[in-house]
Amino acid sequence: MIQKQKLRAAQYIRMSTSSQDASPEQQQQQLAILAEQAGYDVTHTFEDLSLSGTKVRRRTGFRNMLKAAIAAEFDVILVLSLIHI
């Protein structure tokens, strides 16, 4: 029997202020549930905490995620909400 290989997933966690609804821990927990339901293997985690999303050059986690995506280090990106991108 051929076993299907799980897709490798990167999770991206961003929180611009401490007053946002989902803390980094909550985001990570919810993304873990999503990954399990979809059958993904989370291999990378990238974070940008307490940073505005308007300036990409300040978001080292986001930039590192893009570099890893270009290098094909994972297959999919998981993010709790598109506003975090």
Protein backbone atom coordinates (compact mmCIF):
# COMPACT_ATOMS: atom_id res chain seq x y z
CA MET A 1 0.00 0.00 0.00
CA ILE A 2 1.37 3.41 -0.97
CA GLN A 3 1.32 5.88 1.89
CA LYS A 4 0.56 9.46 0.94
CA GLN A 5 3.19 11.91 2.18
CA LYS A 6 1.91 14.82 4.25
CA LEU A 7 2.37 18.30 2.86
CA ARG A 8 4.91 20.41 4.75
CA ALA A 9 3.34 23.52 6.21
CA ALA A 10 4.72 26.80 7.49
CA GLN A 11 2.67 28.75 9.97
CA TYR A 12 2.88 32.53 10.06
CA ILE A 13 1.94 34.32 13.24
CA ARG A 14 1.68 38.08 13.43
CA MET A 15 0.35 40.36 16.09
CA SER A 16 0.65 44.10 15.67
CA THR A 17 -0.66 45.14 19.09
CA SER A 18 -1.35 43.53 22.43
CA SER A 19 -5.05 44.35 22.03
CA GLN A 20 -5.64 42.05 19.06
CA ASP A 21 -8.17 39.27 19.50
CA ALA A 22 -5.86 36.30 18.98
CA SER A 23 -2.61 36.13 20.93
CA PRO A 24 0.37 34.40 19.32
CA GLU A 25 -0.33 31.33 21.45
CA GLN A 26 -3.99 31.27 20.37
CA GLN A 27 -3.00 31.65 16.73
CA GLN A 28 -0.53 28.77 17.05
CA GLN A 29 -3.12 26.53 18.73
CA GLN A 30 -5.76 27.26 16.08
CA LEU A 31 -3.27 26.71 13.25
CA ALA A 32 -2.24 23.39 14.80
CA ILE A 33 -5.87 22.27 14.70
CA LEU A 34 -6.21 23.41 11.09
CA ALA A 35 -3.00 21.58 10.13
CA GLU A 36 -4.16 18.38 11.78
CA GLN A 37 -7.58 18.53 10.10
CA ALA A 38 -5.96 19.12 6.70
CA GLY A 39 -3.31 16.46 7.23
CA TYR A 40 -0.37 18.89 7.10
CA ASP A 41 2.93 18.51 8.92
CA VAL A 42 3.94 21.88 10.41
CA THR A 43 7.68 22.11 9.77
CA HIS A 44 8.27 25.86 10.09
CA THR A 45 6.97 28.68 12.27
CA PHE A 46 7.54 32.32 11.43
CA GLU A 47 6.54 35.20 13.71
CA ASP A 48 6.39 38.95 13.70
CA LEU A 49 5.19 40.24 17.05
CA SER A 50 4.31 43.84 17.95
CA LEU A 51 4.95 44.99 14.38
CA SER A 52 2.73 46.84 11.97
CA GLY A 53 2.04 44.99 8.75
CA THR A 54 2.63 48.05 6.60
CA LYS A 55 6.42 47.81 6.37
CA VAL A 56 7.68 44.47 5.10
CA ARG A 57 11.34 45.33 5.64
CA ARG A 58 10.76 45.38 9.43
CA ARG A 59 8.99 42.01 9.38
CA THR A 60 11.92 39.61 9.52
CA GLY A 61 9.66 36.60 10.10
CA PHE A 62 7.69 37.38 6.96
CA ARG A 63 10.84 37.94 4.90
CA ASN A 64 12.38 34.71 6.20
CA MET A 65 9.17 32.88 5.30
CA LEU A 66 9.36 34.20 1.73
CA LYS A 67 12.99 33.07 1.43
CA ALA A 68 12.08 29.61 2.71
CA ALA A 69 9.14 29.45 0.28
CA ILE A 70 11.43 30.30 -2.64
CA ALA A 71 13.80 27.55 -1.46
CA ALA A 72 10.82 25.11 -1.43
CA GLU A 73 11.31 24.31 2.25
CA PHE A 74 7.55 23.84 2.68
CA ASP A 75 4.47 23.32 0.54
CA VAL A 76 1.76 25.51 2.10
CA ILE A 77 1.47 28.54 4.36
CA LEU A 78 -1.03 28.57 7.21
CA VAL A 79 -2.23 31.88 8.59
CA LEU A 80 -5.17 32.50 10.88
CA SER A 81 -6.41 35.51 8.96
CA LEU A 82 -5.38 37.30 5.79
CA ILE A 83 -5.04 40.52 7.78
CA HIS A 84 -1.96 38.92 9.36
CA ILE A 85 -0.24 38.75 5.99
